[in-house]
Amino acid sequence: MLRRRSGFRGGAGCLQRDASHVAVTGAGLLLHLTDWPQYSDVDPGNLVRSISAPKVIDARGTLDAKRWRAAGWTFRALGRP
């Protein structure tokens, strides 16, 4: 279910996190660029079925590498092995 959130300039909205599987559908790579907890807490097991190549780069260091790897993702984080 997609929900829009208003309150941004020009009346534009943004998609909420419950649409994260839609955002990664067909993608070849997931870039995690925020430290907001609602994105760090996304279930990698649910997302792995939607992405064409389960690869993630964690630019903020907020994802649990073991959890993502256990769900079948190739995981890389800036500044971490």
Protein backbone atom coordinates (compact mmCIF):
# COMPACT_ATOMS: atom_id res chain seq x y z
CA MET A 1 0.00 0.00 0.00
CA LEU A 2 1.41 3.35 -1.02
CA ARG A 3 0.80 6.36 1.15
CA ARG A 4 1.79 9.88 0.34
CA ARG A 5 3.05 12.38 2.85
CA SER A 6 2.56 16.05 2.10
CA GLY A 7 4.19 19.12 3.56
CA PHE A 8 7.04 19.58 1.13
CA ARG A 9 7.67 22.57 -1.13
CA GLY A 10 5.41 22.80 -4.12
CA GLY A 11 2.94 20.36 -2.56
CA ALA A 12 5.00 17.38 -3.68
CA GLY A 13 4.74 14.23 -1.59
CA CYS A 14 7.06 11.40 -0.78
CA LEU A 15 6.43 7.67 -0.59
CA GLN A 16 6.43 6.13 2.85
CA ARG A 17 8.59 3.16 3.80
CA ASP A 18 5.83 0.57 3.41
CA ALA A 19 6.49 0.90 -0.32
CA SER A 20 10.17 -0.03 0.01
CA HIS A 21 9.67 -3.30 -1.88
CA VAL A 22 8.21 -1.27 -4.78
CA ALA A 23 11.21 1.08 -4.72
CA VAL A 24 13.70 -1.78 -5.17
CA THR A 25 11.73 -3.80 -7.73
CA GLY A 26 14.02 -4.54 -10.66
CA ALA A 27 16.95 -2.61 -9.16
CA GLY A 28 20.48 -3.94 -9.45
CA LEU A 29 21.73 -2.25 -6.28
CA LEU A 30 20.29 -0.73 -3.11
CA LEU A 31 22.04 2.36 -1.76
CA HIS A 32 21.25 3.02 1.90
CA LEU A 33 21.94 6.75 2.30
CA THR A 34 20.06 7.72 5.47
CA ASP A 35 20.30 7.00 9.17
CA TRP A 36 16.56 7.32 9.73
CA PRO A 37 15.47 4.29 11.79
CA GLN A 38 12.38 3.57 9.68
CA TYR A 39 14.74 2.71 6.81
CA SER A 40 17.38 0.95 8.89
CA ASP A 41 14.72 -1.38 10.31
CA VAL A 42 13.46 -2.63 6.92
CA ASP A 43 13.37 -6.44 6.73
CA PRO A 44 16.04 -7.52 4.20
CA GLY A 45 14.33 -10.91 3.85
CA ASN A 46 11.23 -9.26 2.44
CA LEU A 47 13.18 -7.00 0.09
CA VAL A 48 15.39 -9.74 -1.36
CA ARG A 49 12.44 -11.12 -3.33
CA SER A 50 11.82 -7.77 -5.06
CA ILE A 51 15.30 -6.78 -6.23
CA SER A 52 16.91 -8.28 -9.32
CA ALA A 53 20.40 -8.40 -7.78
CA PRO A 54 20.47 -8.37 -3.96
CA LYS A 55 23.39 -6.00 -3.37
CA VAL A 56 23.38 -3.21 -0.79
CA ILE A 57 25.82 -0.44 0.06
CA ASP A 58 25.31 1.05 3.51
CA ALA A 59 26.70 4.58 3.37
CA ARG A 60 25.58 5.47 6.91
CA GLY A 61 26.66 2.39 8.86
CA THR A 62 23.21 1.80 10.31
CA LEU A 63 22.32 -1.59 8.82
CA ASP A 64 23.05 -4.90 10.52
CA ALA A 65 25.53 -6.56 8.16
CA LYS A 66 24.99 -10.08 9.53
CA ARG A 67 21.22 -9.77 9.15
CA TRP A 68 21.47 -8.56 5.55
CA ARG A 69 24.01 -11.22 4.56
CA ALA A 70 21.90 -13.94 6.20
CA ALA A 71 18.97 -12.80 4.06
CA GLY A 72 21.03 -13.39 0.90
CA TRP A 73 22.39 -9.90 0.20
CA THR A 74 25.89 -8.97 -0.87
CA PHE A 75 26.61 -6.31 1.76
CA ARG A 76 29.16 -3.50 1.70
CA ALA A 77 29.43 -0.58 4.12
CA LEU A 78 31.63 2.48 3.96
CA GLY A 79 34.45 2.21 6.50
CA ARG A 80 33.58 -1.39 7.49
CA PRO A 81 34.68 -4.79 6.14
